[in-house]
Amino acid sequence: MKKIAKSWSVSDKNIKAVQVVFELEQAQSKILRITAIENDLSPSDLIREIIQLPRKKPVRPRLSISLSPADYLMLGKRYELDPNNTIEIRNRIKEELVLATQKNKQ
């Protein structure tokens, strides 16, 4: 049997992690999401805190969205870009998010 590099064995532990989804009442879910935001946590970090599991402090808090090929087609039309130009579409989305946050500050 080949010896596995230390860096790969750490990755191996992460591969074995399984995402667990909880279906709660809408009001309960909303309370948890708001509580997370008020404490500068992601909902998953709040859940880990509630059930007393360790969590890592995020180096760079990020927002994410899943985009399908159909989404890229719609966004390409909206931004008048080639739908394959995913980098520029991402930049345009980011610009819109920044503008939305500036509007909410006022």
PDB file of N, CA and C in Angstrom:
ATOM      1  N   MET A   1       0.835  -1.179   0.000  1.00  0.00           N
ATOM      2  CA  MET A   1       0.000   0.000   0.000  1.00  0.00           C
ATOM      3  C   MET A   1       0.880   1.242   0.000  1.00  0.00           C
ATOM      4  N   LYS A   2       0.533   2.226  -0.821  1.00  0.00           N
ATOM      5  CA  LYS A   2       1.308   3.459  -0.905  1.00  0.00           C
ATOM      6  C   LYS A   2       1.027   4.345   0.293  1.00  0.00           C
ATOM      7  N   LYS A   3       2.053   5.075   0.694  1.00  0.00           N
ATOM      8  CA  LYS A   3       1.900   6.023   1.789  1.00  0.00           C
ATOM      9  C   LYS A   3       1.253   7.304   1.247  1.00  0.00           C
ATOM     10  N   ILE A   4       0.233   7.812   1.934  1.00  0.00           N
ATOM     11  CA  ILE A   4      -0.500   9.000   1.507  1.00  0.00           C
ATOM     12  C   ILE A   4       0.151  10.236   2.114  1.00  0.00           C
ATOM     13  N   ALA A   5       0.345  11.252   1.278  1.00  0.00           N
ATOM     14  CA  ALA A   5       0.918  12.511   1.758  1.00  0.00           C
ATOM     15  C   ALA A   5       0.022  13.107   2.836  1.00  0.00           C
ATOM     16  N   LYS A   6       0.644  13.789   3.800  1.00  0.00           N
ATOM     17  CA  LYS A   6      -0.102  14.376   4.913  1.00  0.00           C
ATOM     18  C   LYS A   6      -1.192  15.333   4.431  1.00  0.00           C
ATOM     19  N   SER A   7      -0.883  16.157   3.424  1.00  0.00           N
ATOM     20  CA  SER A   7      -1.873  17.109   2.920  1.00  0.00           C
ATOM     21  C   SER A   7      -3.085  16.391   2.328  1.00  0.00           C
ATOM     22  N   TRP A   8      -2.867  15.211   1.741  1.00  0.00           N
ATOM     23  CA  TRP A   8      -3.981  14.454   1.169  1.00  0.00           C
ATOM     24  C   TRP A   8      -4.831  13.825   2.261  1.00  0.00           C
ATOM     25  N   SER A   9      -4.227  13.429   3.358  1.00  0.00           N
ATOM     26  CA  SER A   9      -5.006  12.803   4.427  1.00  0.00           C
ATOM     27  C   SER A   9      -5.949  13.811   5.070  1.00  0.00           C
ATOM     28  N   VAL A  10      -5.541  15.082   5.138  1.00  0.00           N
ATOM     29  CA  VAL A  10      -6.423  16.129   5.648  1.00  0.00           C
ATOM     30  C   VAL A  10      -7.598  16.296   4.701  1.00  0.00           C
ATOM     31  N   SER A  11      -7.327  16.329   3.404  1.00  0.00           N
ATOM     32  CA  SER A  11      -8.394  16.436   2.405  1.00  0.00           C
ATOM     33  C   SER A  11      -9.332  15.249   2.491  1.00  0.00           C
ATOM     34  N   ASP A  12      -8.790  14.084   2.757  1.00  0.00           N
ATOM     35  CA  ASP A  12      -9.594  12.864   2.848  1.00  0.00           C
ATOM     36  C   ASP A  12     -10.653  12.998   3.939  1.00  0.00           C
ATOM     37  N   LYS A  13     -10.308  13.636   5.061  1.00  0.00           N
ATOM     38  CA  LYS A  13     -11.277  13.858   6.133  1.00  0.00           C
ATOM     39  C   LYS A  13     -12.405  14.754   5.657  1.00  0.00           C
ATOM     40  N   ASN A  14     -12.057  15.790   4.889  1.00  0.00           N
ATOM     41  CA  ASN A  14     -13.072  16.711   4.382  1.00  0.00           C
ATOM     42  C   ASN A  14     -13.995  16.041   3.374  1.00  0.00           C
ATOM     43  N   ILE A  15     -13.465  15.125   2.592  1.00  0.00           N
ATOM     44  CA  ILE A  15     -14.268  14.427   1.598  1.00  0.00           C
ATOM     45  C   ILE A  15     -15.361  13.607   2.274  1.00  0.00           C
ATOM     46  N   LYS A  16     -15.085  13.097   3.441  1.00  0.00           N
ATOM     47  CA  LYS A  16     -16.045  12.261   4.148  1.00  0.00           C
ATOM     48  C   LYS A  16     -17.160  13.056   4.813  1.00  0.00           C
ATOM     49  N   ALA A  17     -17.056  14.388   4.839  1.00  0.00           N
ATOM     50  CA  ALA A  17     -18.105  15.217   5.426  1.00  0.00           C
ATOM     51  C   ALA A  17     -19.357  15.120   4.562  1.00  0.00           C
ATOM     52  N   VAL A  18     -20.511  15.134   5.213  1.00  0.00           N
ATOM     53  CA  VAL A  18     -21.786  15.017   4.520  1.00  0.00           C
ATOM     54  C   VAL A  18     -22.633  16.228   4.874  1.00  0.00           C
ATOM     55  N   GLN A  19     -23.214  16.852   3.861  1.00  0.00           N
ATOM     56  CA  GLN A  19     -24.086  17.995   4.114  1.00  0.00           C
ATOM     57  C   GLN A  19     -25.412  17.487   4.662  1.00  0.00           C
ATOM     58  N   VAL A  20     -25.861  18.091   5.739  1.00  0.00           N
ATOM     59  CA  VAL A  20     -27.116  17.712   6.386  1.00  0.00           C
ATOM     60  C   VAL A  20     -28.073  18.899   6.261  1.00  0.00           C
ATOM     61  N   VAL A  21     -29.279  18.630   5.794  1.00  0.00           N
ATOM     62  CA  VAL A  21     -30.274  19.673   5.578  1.00  0.00           C
ATOM     63  C   VAL A  21     -31.382  19.514   6.611  1.00  0.00           C
ATOM     64  N   PHE A  22     -31.800  20.636   7.189  1.00  0.00           N
ATOM     65  CA  PHE A  22     -32.874  20.627   8.174  1.00  0.00           C
ATOM     66  C   PHE A  22     -34.058  21.397   7.626  1.00  0.00           C
ATOM     67  N   GLU A  23     -35.234  20.803   7.691  1.00  0.00           N
ATOM     68  CA  GLU A  23     -36.454  21.481   7.272  1.00  0.00           C
ATOM     69  C   GLU A  23     -37.178  21.937   8.529  1.00  0.00           C
ATOM     70  N   LEU A  24     -37.186  23.251   8.735  1.00  0.00           N
ATOM     71  CA  LEU A  24     -37.830  23.838   9.900  1.00  0.00           C
ATOM     72  C   LEU A  24     -39.015  24.673   9.432  1.00  0.00           C
ATOM     73  N   GLU A  25     -39.825  25.089  10.372  1.00  0.00           N
ATOM     74  CA  GLU A  25     -40.901  26.030  10.055  1.00  0.00           C
ATOM     75  C   GLU A  25     -40.246  27.305   9.525  1.00  0.00           C
ATOM     76  N   GLN A  26     -40.931  28.021   8.656  1.00  0.00           N
ATOM     77  CA  GLN A  26     -40.376  29.232   8.060  1.00  0.00           C
ATOM     78  C   GLN A  26     -39.960  30.240   9.134  1.00  0.00           C
ATOM     79  N   ALA A  27     -40.769  30.409  10.162  1.00  0.00           N
ATOM     80  CA  ALA A  27     -40.453  31.370  11.228  1.00  0.00           C
ATOM     81  C   ALA A  27     -39.183  30.958  11.975  1.00  0.00           C
ATOM     82  N   GLN A  28     -39.024  29.671  12.238  1.00  0.00           N
ATOM     83  CA  GLN A  28     -37.825  29.195  12.935  1.00  0.00           C
ATOM     84  C   GLN A  28     -36.581  29.411  12.077  1.00  0.00           C
ATOM     85  N   SER A  29     -36.695  29.097  10.808  1.00  0.00           N
ATOM     86  CA  SER A  29     -35.576  29.282   9.882  1.00  0.00           C
ATOM     87  C   SER A  29     -35.184  30.753   9.798  1.00  0.00           C
ATOM     88  N   LYS A  30     -36.183  31.625   9.741  1.00  0.00           N
ATOM     89  CA  LYS A  30     -35.930  33.064   9.661  1.00  0.00           C
ATOM     90  C   LYS A  30     -35.214  33.558  10.920  1.00  0.00           C
ATOM     91  N   ILE A  31     -35.656  33.110  12.070  1.00  0.00           N
ATOM     92  CA  ILE A  31     -35.017  33.516  13.332  1.00  0.00           C
ATOM     93  C   ILE A  31     -33.553  33.095  13.343  1.00  0.00           C
ATOM     94  N   LEU A  32     -33.267  31.866  12.902  1.00  0.00           N
ATOM     95  CA  LEU A  32     -31.884  31.388  12.883  1.00  0.00           C
ATOM     96  C   LEU A  32     -31.034  32.203  11.907  1.00  0.00           C
ATOM     97  N   ARG A  33     -31.563  32.506  10.723  1.00  0.00           N
ATOM     98  CA  ARG A  33     -30.803  33.291   9.747  1.00  0.00           C
ATOM     99  C   ARG A  33     -30.534  34.701  10.269  1.00  0.00           C
ATOM    100  N   ILE A  34     -31.540  35.330  10.868  1.00  0.00           N
ATOM    101  CA  ILE A  34     -31.371  36.687  11.408  1.00  0.00           C
ATOM    102  C   ILE A  34     -30.373  36.682  12.563  1.00  0.00           C
ATOM    103  N   THR A  35     -30.477  35.695  13.437  1.00  0.00           N
ATOM    104  CA  THR A  35     -29.539  35.579  14.561  1.00  0.00           C
ATOM    105  C   THR A  35     -28.117  35.412  14.043  1.00  0.00           C
ATOM    106  N   ALA A  36     -27.952  34.618  13.014  1.00  0.00           N
ATOM    107  CA  ALA A  36     -26.622  34.423  12.427  1.00  0.00           C
ATOM    108  C   ALA A  36     -26.074  35.746  11.912  1.00  0.00           C
ATOM    109  N   ILE A  37     -26.885  36.467  11.162  1.00  0.00           N
ATOM    110  CA  ILE A  37     -26.451  37.752  10.603  1.00  0.00           C
ATOM    111  C   ILE A  37     -26.093  38.731  11.715  1.00  0.00           C
ATOM    112  N   GLU A  38     -26.925  38.803  12.735  1.00  0.00           N
ATOM    113  CA  GLU A  38     -26.671  39.729  13.839  1.00  0.00           C
ATOM    114  C   GLU A  38     -25.370  39.404  14.569  1.00  0.00           C
ATOM    115  N   ASN A  39     -24.925  38.146  14.474  1.00  0.00           N
ATOM    116  CA  ASN A  39     -23.692  37.731  15.141  1.00  0.00           C
ATOM    117  C   ASN A  39     -22.536  37.554  14.165  1.00  0.00           C
ATOM    118  N   ASP A  40     -22.683  38.106  12.955  1.00  0.00           N
ATOM    119  CA  ASP A  40     -21.655  37.993  11.908  1.00  0.00           C
ATOM    120  C   ASP A  40     -21.240  36.547  11.657  1.00  0.00           C
ATOM    121  N   LEU A  41     -22.234  35.679  11.597  1.00  0.00           N
ATOM    122  CA  LEU A  41     -21.998  34.264  11.328  1.00  0.00           C
ATOM    123  C   LEU A  41     -22.802  33.832  10.109  1.00  0.00           C
ATOM    124  N   SER A  42     -22.374  32.753   9.505  1.00  0.00           N
ATOM    125  CA  SER A  42     -23.200  32.123   8.477  1.00  0.00           C
ATOM    126  C   SER A  42     -24.213  31.249   9.215  1.00  0.00           C
ATOM    127  N   PRO A  43     -25.330  30.924   8.589  1.00  0.00           N
ATOM    128  CA  PRO A  43     -26.286  30.030   9.256  1.00  0.00           C
ATOM    129  C   PRO A  43     -25.650  28.704   9.674  1.00  0.00           C
ATOM    130  N   SER A  44     -24.769  28.150   8.831  1.00  0.00           N
ATOM    131  CA  SER A  44     -24.141  26.877   9.195  1.00  0.00           C
ATOM    132  C   SER A  44     -23.220  27.044  10.405  1.00  0.00           C
ATOM    133  N   ASP A  45     -22.509  28.190  10.506  1.00  0.00           N
ATOM    134  CA  ASP A  45     -21.672  28.425  11.684  1.00  0.00           C
ATOM    135  C   ASP A  45     -22.517  28.582  12.938  1.00  0.00           C
ATOM    136  N   LEU A  46     -23.674  29.229  12.824  1.00  0.00           N
ATOM    137  CA  LEU A  46     -24.568  29.360  13.975  1.00  0.00           C
ATOM    138  C   LEU A  46     -25.055  27.983  14.422  1.00  0.00           C
ATOM    139  N   ILE A  47     -25.424  27.144  13.467  1.00  0.00           N
ATOM    140  CA  ILE A  47     -25.872  25.786  13.812  1.00  0.00           C
ATOM    141  C   ILE A  47     -24.750  25.037  14.520  1.00  0.00           C
ATOM    142  N   ARG A  48     -23.524  25.135  14.002  1.00  0.00           N
ATOM    143  CA  ARG A  48     -22.381  24.461  14.658  1.00  0.00           C
ATOM    144  C   ARG A  48     -22.199  24.986  16.085  1.00  0.00           C
ATOM    145  N   GLU A  49     -22.403  26.295  16.278  1.00  0.00           N
ATOM    146  CA  GLU A  49     -22.272  26.881  17.615  1.00  0.00           C
ATOM    147  C   GLU A  49     -23.372  26.353  18.537  1.00  0.00           C
ATOM    148  N   ILE A  50     -24.593  26.304  18.037  1.00  0.00           N
ATOM    149  CA  ILE A  50     -25.728  25.830  18.841  1.00  0.00           C
ATOM    150  C   ILE A  50     -25.516  24.393  19.298  1.00  0.00           C
ATOM    151  N   ILE A  51     -25.009  23.549  18.389  1.00  0.00           N
ATOM    152  CA  ILE A  51     -24.825  22.132  18.752  1.00  0.00           C
ATOM    153  C   ILE A  51     -23.424  21.858  19.293  1.00  0.00           C
ATOM    154  N   GLN A  52     -22.718  22.947  19.607  1.00  0.00           N
ATOM    155  CA  GLN A  52     -21.419  22.913  20.279  1.00  0.00           C
ATOM    156  C   GLN A  52     -20.359  22.138  19.514  1.00  0.00           C
ATOM    157  N   LEU A  53     -20.293  22.404  18.200  1.00  0.00           N
ATOM    158  CA  LEU A  53     -19.211  21.877  17.377  1.00  0.00           C
ATOM    159  C   LEU A  53     -18.256  23.022  17.062  1.00  0.00           C
ATOM    160  N   PRO A  54     -16.986  22.720  16.870  1.00  0.00           N
ATOM    161  CA  PRO A  54     -16.046  23.799  16.540  1.00  0.00           C
ATOM    162  C   PRO A  54     -16.337  24.375  15.160  1.00  0.00           C
ATOM    163  N   ARG A  55     -15.963  25.618  14.986  1.00  0.00           N
ATOM    164  CA  ARG A  55     -16.105  26.268  13.684  1.00  0.00           C
ATOM    165  C   ARG A  55     -14.879  27.132  13.454  1.00  0.00           C
ATOM    166  N   LYS A  56     -14.561  27.309  12.187  1.00  0.00           N
ATOM    167  CA  LYS A  56     -13.433  28.160  11.826  1.00  0.00           C
ATOM    168  C   LYS A  56     -13.933  29.563  11.550  1.00  0.00           C
ATOM    169  N   LYS A  57     -13.161  30.541  11.957  1.00  0.00           N
ATOM    170  CA  LYS A  57     -13.473  31.935  11.633  1.00  0.00           C
ATOM    171  C   LYS A  57     -13.185  32.115  10.145  1.00  0.00           C
ATOM    172  N   PRO A  58     -14.161  32.611   9.380  1.00  0.00           N
ATOM    173  CA  PRO A  58     -13.909  32.770   7.941  1.00  0.00           C
ATOM    174  C   PRO A  58     -12.817  33.799   7.674  1.00  0.00           C
ATOM    175  N   VAL A  59     -11.933  33.453   6.755  1.00  0.00           N
ATOM    176  CA  VAL A  59     -10.867  34.371   6.379  1.00  0.00           C
ATOM    177  C   VAL A  59     -11.463  35.506   5.567  1.00  0.00           C
ATOM    178  N   ARG A  60     -12.327  35.160   4.626  1.00  0.00           N
ATOM    179  CA  ARG A  60     -12.992  36.127   3.749  1.00  0.00           C
ATOM    180  C   ARG A  60     -14.455  35.743   3.662  1.00  0.00           C
ATOM    181  N   PRO A  61     -15.319  36.389   4.418  1.00  0.00           N
ATOM    182  CA  PRO A  61     -16.736  36.050   4.294  1.00  0.00           C
ATOM    183  C   PRO A  61     -17.205  36.267   2.854  1.00  0.00           C
ATOM    184  N   ARG A  62     -17.915  35.276   2.321  1.00  0.00           N
ATOM    185  CA  ARG A  62     -18.347  35.348   0.929  1.00  0.00           C
ATOM    186  C   ARG A  62     -19.830  35.085   0.819  1.00  0.00           C
ATOM    187  N   LEU A  63     -20.382  35.602  -0.237  1.00  0.00           N
ATOM    188  CA  LEU A  63     -21.760  35.295  -0.623  1.00  0.00           C
ATOM    189  C   LEU A  63     -21.662  34.437  -1.868  1.00  0.00           C
ATOM    190  N   SER A  64     -22.579  33.517  -2.021  1.00  0.00           N
ATOM    191  CA  SER A  64     -22.514  32.668  -3.208  1.00  0.00           C
ATOM    192  C   SER A  64     -23.902  32.457  -3.791  1.00  0.00           C
ATOM    193  N   ILE A  65     -23.905  32.079  -5.045  1.00  0.00           N
ATOM    194  CA  ILE A  65     -25.130  31.778  -5.767  1.00  0.00           C
ATOM    195  C   ILE A  65     -24.773  30.691  -6.775  1.00  0.00           C
ATOM    196  N   SER A  66     -25.690  29.786  -7.008  1.00  0.00           N
ATOM    197  CA  SER A  66     -25.496  28.772  -8.043  1.00  0.00           C
ATOM    198  C   SER A  66     -26.150  29.261  -9.324  1.00  0.00           C
ATOM    199  N   LEU A  67     -25.396  29.230 -10.400  1.00  0.00           N
ATOM    200  CA  LEU A  67     -25.912  29.684 -11.695  1.00  0.00           C
ATOM    201  C   LEU A  67     -25.870  28.529 -12.691  1.00  0.00           C
ATOM    202  N   SER A  68     -26.986  28.289 -13.319  1.00  0.00           N
ATOM    203  CA  SER A  68     -27.085  27.234 -14.333  1.00  0.00           C
ATOM    204  C   SER A  68     -26.718  27.827 -15.702  1.00  0.00           C
ATOM    205  N   PRO A  69     -26.508  26.970 -16.694  1.00  0.00           N
ATOM    206  CA  PRO A  69     -26.275  27.487 -18.050  1.00  0.00           C
ATOM    207  C   PRO A  69     -27.425  28.386 -18.521  1.00  0.00           C
ATOM    208  N   ALA A  70     -28.651  28.049 -18.153  1.00  0.00           N
ATOM    209  CA  ALA A  70     -29.802  28.889 -18.528  1.00  0.00           C
ATOM    210  C   ALA A  70     -29.706  30.262 -17.849  1.00  0.00           C
ATOM    211  N   ASP A  71     -29.237  30.284 -16.603  1.00  0.00           N
ATOM    212  CA  ASP A  71     -29.047  31.566 -15.908  1.00  0.00           C
ATOM    213  C   ASP A  71     -28.032  32.427 -16.650  1.00  0.00           C
ATOM    214  N   TYR A  72     -26.924  31.798 -17.083  1.00  0.00           N
ATOM    215  CA  TYR A  72     -25.906  32.553 -17.818  1.00  0.00           C
ATOM    216  C   TYR A  72     -26.462  33.093 -19.133  1.00  0.00           C
ATOM    217  N   LEU A  73     -27.346  32.330 -19.782  1.00  0.00           N
ATOM    218  CA  LEU A  73     -27.979  32.821 -21.011  1.00  0.00           C
ATOM    219  C   LEU A  73     -28.803  34.079 -20.723  1.00  0.00           C
ATOM    220  N   MET A  74     -29.615  34.025 -19.660  1.00  0.00           N
ATOM    221  CA  MET A  74     -30.448  35.182 -19.297  1.00  0.00           C
ATOM    222  C   MET A  74     -29.585  36.379 -18.899  1.00  0.00           C
ATOM    223  N   LEU A  75     -28.542  36.119 -18.114  1.00  0.00           N
ATOM    224  CA  LEU A  75     -27.681  37.214 -17.665  1.00  0.00           C
ATOM    225  C   LEU A  75     -26.879  37.787 -18.827  1.00  0.00           C
ATOM    226  N   GLY A  76     -26.462  36.925 -19.749  1.00  0.00           N
ATOM    227  CA  GLY A  76     -25.755  37.407 -20.935  1.00  0.00           C
ATOM    228  C   GLY A  76     -26.623  38.378 -21.726  1.00  0.00           C
ATOM    229  N   LYS A  77     -27.907  38.030 -21.891  1.00  0.00           N
ATOM    230  CA  LYS A  77     -28.832  38.933 -22.587  1.00  0.00           C
ATOM    231  C   LYS A  77     -29.008  40.227 -21.801  1.00  0.00           C
ATOM    232  N   ARG A  78     -29.190  40.092 -20.518  1.00  0.00           N
ATOM    233  CA  ARG A  78     -29.425  41.270 -19.671  1.00  0.00           C
ATOM    234  C   ARG A  78     -28.258  42.248 -19.720  1.00  0.00           C
ATOM    235  N   TYR A  79     -27.038  41.701 -19.648  1.00  0.00           N
ATOM    236  CA  TYR A  79     -25.847  42.548 -19.620  1.00  0.00           C
ATOM    237  C   TYR A  79     -25.261  42.771 -21.013  1.00  0.00           C
ATOM    238  N   GLU A  80     -25.940  42.232 -22.036  1.00  0.00           N
ATOM    239  CA  GLU A  80     -25.463  42.327 -23.410  1.00  0.00           C
ATOM    240  C   GLU A  80     -24.041  41.790 -23.535  1.00  0.00           C
ATOM    241  N   LEU A  81     -23.855  40.587 -22.990  1.00  0.00           N
ATOM    242  CA  LEU A  81     -22.559  39.905 -23.014  1.00  0.00           C
ATOM    243  C   LEU A  81     -22.737  38.498 -23.561  1.00  0.00           C
ATOM    244  N   ASP A  82     -21.643  37.920 -24.012  1.00  0.00           N
ATOM    245  CA  ASP A  82     -21.646  36.516 -24.397  1.00  0.00           C
ATOM    246  C   ASP A  82     -21.880  35.701 -23.128  1.00  0.00           C
ATOM    247  N   PRO A  83     -22.845  34.784 -23.132  1.00  0.00           N
ATOM    248  CA  PRO A  83     -23.115  33.991 -21.925  1.00  0.00           C
ATOM    249  C   PRO A  83     -21.918  33.158 -21.457  1.00  0.00           C
ATOM    250  N   ASN A  84     -20.953  32.949 -22.343  1.00  0.00           N
ATOM    251  CA  ASN A  84     -19.746  32.215 -21.950  1.00  0.00           C
ATOM    252  C   ASN A  84     -18.727  33.102 -21.248  1.00  0.00           C
ATOM    253  N   ASN A  85     -18.968  34.400 -21.246  1.00  0.00           N
ATOM    254  CA  ASN A  85     -18.059  35.332 -20.582  1.00  0.00           C
ATOM    255  C   ASN A  85     -18.440  35.400 -19.093  1.00  0.00           C
ATOM    256  N   THR A  86     -18.229  34.286 -18.413  1.00  0.00           N
ATOM    257  CA  THR A  86     -18.683  34.155 -17.018  1.00  0.00           C
ATOM    258  C   THR A  86     -17.974  35.120 -16.075  1.00  0.00           C
ATOM    259  N   ILE A  87     -16.749  35.460 -16.382  1.00  0.00           N
ATOM    260  CA  ILE A  87     -16.005  36.380 -15.505  1.00  0.00           C
ATOM    261  C   ILE A  87     -16.639  37.769 -15.534  1.00  0.00           C
ATOM    262  N   GLU A  88     -16.950  38.256 -16.742  1.00  0.00           N
ATOM    263  CA  GLU A  88     -17.554  39.589 -16.838  1.00  0.00           C
ATOM    264  C   GLU A  88     -18.974  39.584 -16.279  1.00  0.00           C
ATOM    265  N   ILE A  89     -19.702  38.479 -16.468  1.00  0.00           N
ATOM    266  CA  ILE A  89     -21.047  38.375 -15.879  1.00  0.00           C
ATOM    267  C   ILE A  89     -20.944  38.431 -14.362  1.00  0.00           C
ATOM    268  N   ARG A  90     -19.963  37.725 -13.807  1.00  0.00           N
ATOM    269  CA  ARG A  90     -19.738  37.755 -12.359  1.00  0.00           C
ATOM    270  C   ARG A  90     -19.428  39.179 -11.897  1.00  0.00           C
ATOM    271  N   ASN A  91     -18.609  39.890 -12.661  1.00  0.00           N
ATOM    272  CA  ASN A  91     -18.277  41.279 -12.309  1.00  0.00           C
ATOM    273  C   ASN A  91     -19.518  42.164 -12.316  1.00  0.00           C
ATOM    274  N   ARG A  92     -20.381  41.966 -13.297  1.00  0.00           N
ATOM    275  CA  ARG A  92     -21.603  42.768 -13.380  1.00  0.00           C
ATOM    276  C   ARG A  92     -22.535  42.471 -12.200  1.00  0.00           C
ATOM    277  N   ILE A  93     -22.629  41.205 -11.833  1.00  0.00           N
ATOM    278  CA  ILE A  93     -23.451  40.836 -10.673  1.00  0.00           C
ATOM    279  C   ILE A  93     -22.900  41.525  -9.427  1.00  0.00           C
ATOM    280  N   LYS A  94     -21.577  41.475  -9.270  1.00  0.00           N
ATOM    281  CA  LYS A  94     -20.951  42.102  -8.102  1.00  0.00           C
ATOM    282  C   LYS A  94     -21.253  43.596  -8.065  1.00  0.00           C
ATOM    283  N   GLU A  95     -21.183  44.258  -9.232  1.00  0.00           N
ATOM    284  CA  GLU A  95     -21.510  45.690  -9.301  1.00  0.00           C
ATOM    285  C   GLU A  95     -22.943  45.937  -8.824  1.00  0.00           C
ATOM    286  N   GLU A  96     -23.867  45.083  -9.260  1.00  0.00           N
ATOM    287  CA  GLU A  96     -25.266  45.243  -8.836  1.00  0.00           C
ATOM    288  C   GLU A  96     -25.424  45.042  -7.342  1.00  0.00           C
ATOM    289  N   LEU A  97     -24.700  44.078  -6.789  1.00  0.00           N
ATOM    290  CA  LEU A  97     -24.778  43.839  -5.341  1.00  0.00           C
ATOM    291  C   LEU A  97     -24.260  45.044  -4.569  1.00  0.00           C
ATOM    292  N   VAL A  98     -23.147  45.614  -5.038  1.00  0.00           N
ATOM    293  CA  VAL A  98     -22.582  46.798  -4.381  1.00  0.00           C
ATOM    294  C   VAL A  98     -23.583  47.948  -4.441  1.00  0.00           C
ATOM    295  N   LEU A  99     -24.186  48.165  -5.623  1.00  0.00           N
ATOM    296  CA  LEU A  99     -25.190  49.232  -5.749  1.00  0.00           C
ATOM    297  C   LEU A  99     -26.383  48.988  -4.828  1.00  0.00           C
ATOM    298  N   ALA A 100     -26.810  47.750  -4.723  1.00  0.00           N
ATOM    299  CA  ALA A 100     -27.953  47.421  -3.850  1.00  0.00           C
ATOM    300  C   ALA A 100     -27.611  47.723  -2.393  1.00  0.00           C
ATOM    301  N   THR A 101     -26.383  47.441  -1.971  1.00  0.00           N
ATOM    302  CA  THR A 101     -26.009  47.732  -0.584  1.00  0.00           C
ATOM    303  C   THR A 101     -25.905  49.227  -0.350  1.00  0.00           C
ATOM    304  N   GLN A 102     -25.484  49.977  -1.346  1.00  0.00           N
ATOM    305  CA  GLN A 102     -25.393  51.434  -1.211  1.00  0.00           C
ATOM    306  C   GLN A 102     -26.777  52.053  -1.112  1.00  0.00           C
ATOM    307  N   LYS A 103     -27.736  51.535  -1.866  1.00  0.00           N
ATOM    308  CA  LYS A 103     -29.119  52.031  -1.794  1.00  0.00           C
ATOM    309  C   LYS A 103     -29.713  51.771  -0.405  1.00  0.00           C
ATOM    310  N   ASN A 104     -29.375  50.629   0.185  1.00  0.00           N
ATOM    311  CA  ASN A 104     -29.928  50.274   1.495  1.00  0.00           C
ATOM    312  C   ASN A 104     -29.290  51.073   2.622  1.00  0.00           C
ATOM    313  N   LYS A 105     -28.110  51.630   2.400  1.00  0.00           N
ATOM    314  CA  LYS A 105     -27.454  52.464   3.419  1.00  0.00           C
ATOM    315  C   LYS A 105     -28.174  53.796   3.585  1.00  0.00           C
ATOM    316  N   GLN A 106     -28.760  54.301   2.488  1.00  0.00           N
ATOM    317  CA  GLN A 106     -29.363  55.642   2.489  1.00  0.00           C
ATOM    318  C   GLN A 106     -30.658  55.682   3.232  1.00  0.00           C
TER     319      GLN A 106
END
